[in-house]
Amino acid sequence: HRDEEVNYFPSRYDQVRHAEKYPTPPAVCSGKRERCIIEKENNFKEPGERYRTFTPERQERFIQRWIDALSDPRITHEIRSIWISYWSQADKSLGQKLASRLNVRPSI
């Protein structure tokens, strides 16, 4: 459990608050650094698989929590569409359920 606020920086609807300056320790890093492209990156596979392991009741609670979060009046249509797109990529039926309950046309 967290006592402090989670930082989702940058935010599209809250003003940006910058952290205080903190001294960087003079630690020396060593080793090989490599820049490479991750082939066939799939950031949505694992969340989709996890969602599909949920019981129908748990899936419904999960959906309702997202409906509640995305129904916040501060959430713009653009942000709502982005999240529906993310969840559609994880699980197509999840994205469709969110879109239909929020009266948003899915973009995928």
Protein backbone atom coordinates (compact mmCIF):
# COMPACT_ATOMS: atom_id res chain seq x y z
CA HIS A 1 0.00 0.00 0.00
CA ARG A 2 1.27 3.45 -0.87
CA ASP A 3 0.92 6.44 1.40
CA GLU A 4 2.21 8.91 -1.16
CA GLU A 5 0.69 9.92 -4.45
CA VAL A 6 1.69 7.92 -7.52
CA ASN A 7 3.58 10.00 -10.07
CA TYR A 8 2.18 9.62 -13.58
CA PHE A 9 4.36 12.41 -14.96
CA PRO A 10 3.63 14.06 -17.32
CA SER A 11 -0.09 14.48 -16.88
CA ARG A 12 -2.37 15.78 -19.59
CA TYR A 13 -4.73 17.57 -17.19
CA ASP A 14 -2.80 18.42 -14.01
CA GLN A 15 -0.11 21.07 -13.91
CA VAL A 16 3.46 19.76 -13.98
CA ARG A 17 5.24 19.86 -10.62
CA HIS A 18 8.98 19.42 -10.80
CA ALA A 19 10.84 17.61 -8.03
CA GLU A 20 13.45 19.38 -5.96
CA LYS A 21 17.05 19.09 -7.12
CA TYR A 22 18.79 16.10 -5.60
CA PRO A 23 22.56 15.61 -5.79
CA THR A 24 23.65 12.83 -8.10
CA PRO A 25 26.06 10.44 -6.38
CA PRO A 26 29.48 10.26 -8.03
CA ALA A 27 29.25 6.48 -8.52
CA VAL A 28 31.15 5.13 -11.48
CA CYS A 29 29.32 2.74 -13.79
CA SER A 30 31.17 0.18 -15.78
CA GLY A 31 30.25 -2.50 -18.22
CA LYS A 32 29.09 -2.74 -21.78
CA ARG A 33 26.21 -0.60 -22.93
CA GLU A 34 24.38 -1.73 -26.00
CA ARG A 35 21.65 -0.12 -28.01
CA CYS A 36 19.47 -2.60 -29.83
CA ILE A 37 16.00 -2.91 -31.27
CA ILE A 38 13.67 -5.36 -29.55
CA GLU A 39 12.29 -7.51 -32.34
CA LYS A 40 8.52 -7.91 -32.41
CA GLU A 41 7.98 -5.98 -29.19
CA ASN A 42 4.56 -6.77 -27.70
CA ASN A 43 3.71 -4.72 -24.64
CA PHE A 44 0.12 -5.95 -24.53
CA LYS A 45 0.47 -9.74 -24.56
CA GLU A 46 1.08 -10.24 -20.84
CA PRO A 47 -1.73 -7.94 -19.61
CA GLY A 48 -4.15 -9.64 -22.02
CA GLU A 49 -3.15 -13.10 -20.83
CA ARG A 50 -3.53 -11.99 -17.22
CA TYR A 51 -7.00 -10.53 -17.85
CA ARG A 52 -8.13 -13.78 -19.51
CA THR A 53 -7.15 -15.78 -16.40
CA PHE A 54 -9.66 -13.79 -14.33
CA THR A 55 -13.00 -15.34 -13.42
CA PRO A 56 -15.99 -13.65 -15.11
CA GLU A 57 -16.81 -11.90 -11.82
CA ARG A 58 -13.28 -10.56 -11.50
CA GLN A 59 -13.28 -9.45 -15.14
CA GLU A 60 -16.49 -7.54 -14.47
CA ARG A 61 -14.97 -5.82 -11.40
CA PHE A 62 -11.88 -4.95 -13.46
CA ILE A 63 -14.03 -3.47 -16.22
CA GLN A 64 -16.12 -1.50 -13.73
CA ARG A 65 -13.01 -0.03 -12.10
CA TRP A 66 -11.82 1.19 -15.51
CA ILE A 67 -15.29 2.55 -16.35
CA ASP A 68 -15.23 4.50 -13.08
CA ALA A 69 -11.70 5.80 -13.73
CA LEU A 70 -12.36 6.77 -17.35
CA SER A 71 -15.68 8.42 -16.44
CA ASP A 72 -13.87 11.08 -14.41
CA PRO A 73 -14.91 14.46 -15.87
CA ARG A 74 -11.25 15.52 -16.12
CA ILE A 75 -10.55 12.68 -18.57
CA THR A 76 -10.69 13.99 -22.12
CA HIS A 77 -12.10 12.04 -25.03
CA GLU A 78 -8.56 11.71 -26.37
CA ILE A 79 -7.23 10.11 -23.17
CA ARG A 80 -10.27 7.83 -22.92
CA SER A 81 -9.69 6.67 -26.51
CA ILE A 82 -6.00 6.04 -25.83
CA TRP A 83 -6.81 3.78 -22.86
CA ILE A 84 -9.49 1.91 -24.79
CA SER A 85 -6.94 1.39 -27.56
CA TYR A 86 -4.42 0.01 -25.05
CA TRP A 87 -6.92 -2.42 -23.52
CA SER A 88 -8.16 -3.44 -26.99
CA GLN A 89 -4.61 -4.43 -27.90
CA ALA A 90 -4.37 -6.49 -24.71
CA ASP A 91 -7.75 -8.17 -25.20
CA LYS A 92 -10.14 -7.25 -28.01
CA SER A 93 -13.32 -8.11 -26.06
CA LEU A 94 -12.13 -6.04 -23.08
CA GLY A 95 -11.62 -3.01 -25.32
CA GLN A 96 -15.04 -3.52 -26.92
CA LYS A 97 -16.76 -3.76 -23.51
CA LEU A 98 -15.06 -0.59 -22.28
CA ALA A 99 -15.87 1.29 -25.49
CA SER A 100 -19.54 0.27 -25.50
CA ARG A 101 -20.09 1.13 -21.83
CA LEU A 102 -18.35 4.48 -22.21
CA ASN A 103 -20.15 5.20 -25.51
CA VAL A 104 -16.83 5.60 -27.30
CA ARG A 105 -16.16 4.27 -30.75
CA PRO A 106 -13.08 2.04 -30.59
CA SER A 107 -10.22 3.17 -32.83
CA ILE A 108 -8.87 -0.38 -33.32
